[in-house]
């Protein structure tokens, strides 16, 4: 599944356009490797690190969603591994 689509389906971002803009900044990583394009492939078990709303979020992909469903359904597709403030106050 495309990374931009995954981020939209799991409700971390409100639109695929927002997801694409975030990925184009070049600060997102999959398994420690910098994401070069918005169509980067996401697989189950991958670890995604991304800056979001003033913090760095680290999530592990548990399953690939088939649609942008309700929040509980979206939340079941990933596990939150950590959130770090970018301000340094963690």
C-alpha atoms as a PDB file:
ATOM      1  CA  UNK A   1       0.000   0.000   0.000  1.00  0.00           C
ATOM      2  CA  UNK A   2       1.217   3.522  -0.756  1.00  0.00           C
ATOM      3  CA  UNK A   3       2.441   5.433   2.281  1.00  0.00           C
ATOM      4  CA  UNK A   4       0.326   8.527   1.571  1.00  0.00           C
ATOM      5  CA  UNK A   5      -2.776   6.386   1.310  1.00  0.00           C
ATOM      6  CA  UNK A   6      -1.904   4.479   4.494  1.00  0.00           C
ATOM      7  CA  UNK A   7      -1.501   7.685   6.537  1.00  0.00           C
ATOM      8  CA  UNK A   8      -4.861   8.928   5.243  1.00  0.00           C
ATOM      9  CA  UNK A   9      -6.659   5.612   5.881  1.00  0.00           C
ATOM     10  CA  UNK A  10      -5.411   5.339   9.488  1.00  0.00           C
ATOM     11  CA  UNK A  11      -6.610   8.901  10.132  1.00  0.00           C
ATOM     12  CA  UNK A  12      -3.290  10.516  11.025  1.00  0.00           C
ATOM     13  CA  UNK A  13      -3.980  13.120   8.336  1.00  0.00           C
ATOM     14  CA  UNK A  14      -7.261  14.527   7.031  1.00  0.00           C
ATOM     15  CA  UNK A  15      -6.470  14.121   3.322  1.00  0.00           C
ATOM     16  CA  UNK A  16      -4.109  12.363   0.952  1.00  0.00           C
ATOM     17  CA  UNK A  17      -2.968  15.804  -0.217  1.00  0.00           C
ATOM     18  CA  UNK A  18      -1.843  16.610   3.344  1.00  0.00           C
ATOM     19  CA  UNK A  19      -0.091  13.233   3.542  1.00  0.00           C
ATOM     20  CA  UNK A  20       1.720  13.878   0.247  1.00  0.00           C
ATOM     21  CA  UNK A  21       2.817  17.345   1.398  1.00  0.00           C
ATOM     22  CA  UNK A  22       4.181  15.914   4.659  1.00  0.00           C
ATOM     23  CA  UNK A  23       6.096  13.186   2.822  1.00  0.00           C
ATOM     24  CA  UNK A  24       7.556  15.640   0.314  1.00  0.00           C
ATOM     25  CA  UNK A  25       9.242  17.491   3.201  1.00  0.00           C
ATOM     26  CA  UNK A  26      11.634  14.534   3.367  1.00  0.00           C
ATOM     27  CA  UNK A  27      11.582  14.034   7.142  1.00  0.00           C
ATOM     28  CA  UNK A  28       9.639  10.752   7.199  1.00  0.00           C
ATOM     29  CA  UNK A  29      11.347   7.370   7.537  1.00  0.00           C
ATOM     30  CA  UNK A  30      10.309   3.746   7.062  1.00  0.00           C
ATOM     31  CA  UNK A  31      12.463   1.289   9.026  1.00  0.00           C
ATOM     32  CA  UNK A  32      15.112   4.005   9.428  1.00  0.00           C
ATOM     33  CA  UNK A  33      15.317   4.680   5.677  1.00  0.00           C
ATOM     34  CA  UNK A  34      14.344   8.138   4.433  1.00  0.00           C
ATOM     35  CA  UNK A  35      11.176   8.210   2.312  1.00  0.00           C
ATOM     36  CA  UNK A  36      12.061   9.465  -1.174  1.00  0.00           C
ATOM     37  CA  UNK A  37       8.571   9.511  -2.723  1.00  0.00           C
ATOM     38  CA  UNK A  38       4.948   9.657  -1.617  1.00  0.00           C
ATOM     39  CA  UNK A  39       4.199   6.333  -3.274  1.00  0.00           C
ATOM     40  CA  UNK A  40       6.695   4.458  -1.068  1.00  0.00           C
ATOM     41  CA  UNK A  41       5.337   1.013  -0.188  1.00  0.00           C
ATOM     42  CA  UNK A  42       4.242   0.204   3.372  1.00  0.00           C
ATOM     43  CA  UNK A  43       4.234  -3.384   4.606  1.00  0.00           C
ATOM     44  CA  UNK A  44       2.959  -5.047   7.776  1.00  0.00           C
ATOM     45  CA  UNK A  45       5.640  -4.880  10.465  1.00  0.00           C
ATOM     46  CA  UNK A  46       7.238  -1.678   9.133  1.00  0.00           C
ATOM     47  CA  UNK A  47       8.150   1.112  11.552  1.00  0.00           C
ATOM     48  CA  UNK A  48       7.252   4.634  10.389  1.00  0.00           C
ATOM     49  CA  UNK A  49       8.763   7.759  11.951  1.00  0.00           C
ATOM     50  CA  UNK A  50       7.188  11.094  11.010  1.00  0.00           C
ATOM     51  CA  UNK A  51       6.879  14.662  12.289  1.00  0.00           C
ATOM     52  CA  UNK A  52       3.262  15.469  13.074  1.00  0.00           C
ATOM     53  CA  UNK A  53       1.657  18.340  15.030  1.00  0.00           C
ATOM     54  CA  UNK A  54       4.858  19.486  16.736  1.00  0.00           C
ATOM     55  CA  UNK A  55       6.011  15.991  17.726  1.00  0.00           C
ATOM     56  CA  UNK A  56       7.833  13.052  16.176  1.00  0.00           C
ATOM     57  CA  UNK A  57       5.546  10.010  16.056  1.00  0.00           C
ATOM     58  CA  UNK A  58       6.796   6.451  15.765  1.00  0.00           C
ATOM     59  CA  UNK A  59       4.277   3.794  14.728  1.00  0.00           C
ATOM     60  CA  UNK A  60       4.434   0.110  13.773  1.00  0.00           C
ATOM     61  CA  UNK A  61       2.142  -1.161  11.018  1.00  0.00           C
ATOM     62  CA  UNK A  62      -0.017  -4.030  12.322  1.00  0.00           C
ATOM     63  CA  UNK A  63      -2.264  -4.441   9.280  1.00  0.00           C
ATOM     64  CA  UNK A  64      -3.111  -2.663   6.042  1.00  0.00           C
ATOM     65  CA  UNK A  65      -6.535  -0.977   6.045  1.00  0.00           C
ATOM     66  CA  UNK A  66      -8.893  -1.607   3.133  1.00  0.00           C
ATOM     67  CA  UNK A  67     -10.746   1.701   3.611  1.00  0.00           C
ATOM     68  CA  UNK A  68     -10.822   4.884   5.654  1.00  0.00           C
ATOM     69  CA  UNK A  69     -13.165   3.557   8.286  1.00  0.00           C
ATOM     70  CA  UNK A  70     -14.126   4.728  11.758  1.00  0.00           C
ATOM     71  CA  UNK A  71     -11.415   5.659  14.236  1.00  0.00           C
ATOM     72  CA  UNK A  72     -11.381   2.348  16.191  1.00  0.00           C
ATOM     73  CA  UNK A  73     -10.969   0.424  12.929  1.00  0.00           C
ATOM     74  CA  UNK A  74      -8.144   2.735  11.826  1.00  0.00           C
ATOM     75  CA  UNK A  75      -6.430   2.564  15.243  1.00  0.00           C
ATOM     76  CA  UNK A  76      -6.329  -1.251  15.043  1.00  0.00           C
ATOM     77  CA  UNK A  77      -4.036  -0.992  11.998  1.00  0.00           C
ATOM     78  CA  UNK A  78      -1.079   0.496  13.866  1.00  0.00           C
ATOM     79  CA  UNK A  79       0.645   0.556  17.243  1.00  0.00           C
ATOM     80  CA  UNK A  80       2.020   3.787  18.708  1.00  0.00           C
ATOM     81  CA  UNK A  81       5.647   3.202  19.751  1.00  0.00           C
ATOM     82  CA  UNK A  82       6.464   6.695  20.875  1.00  0.00           C
ATOM     83  CA  UNK A  83       5.909  10.428  20.657  1.00  0.00           C
ATOM     84  CA  UNK A  84       8.746  12.910  21.149  1.00  0.00           C
ATOM     85  CA  UNK A  85       8.239  16.678  21.464  1.00  0.00           C
ATOM     86  CA  UNK A  86      10.276  18.530  18.864  1.00  0.00           C
ATOM     87  CA  UNK A  87      10.742  21.346  21.370  1.00  0.00           C
ATOM     88  CA  UNK A  88      13.067  19.136  23.401  1.00  0.00           C
ATOM     89  CA  UNK A  89      10.705  18.861  26.347  1.00  0.00           C
ATOM     90  CA  UNK A  90      10.026  15.126  26.300  1.00  0.00           C
END
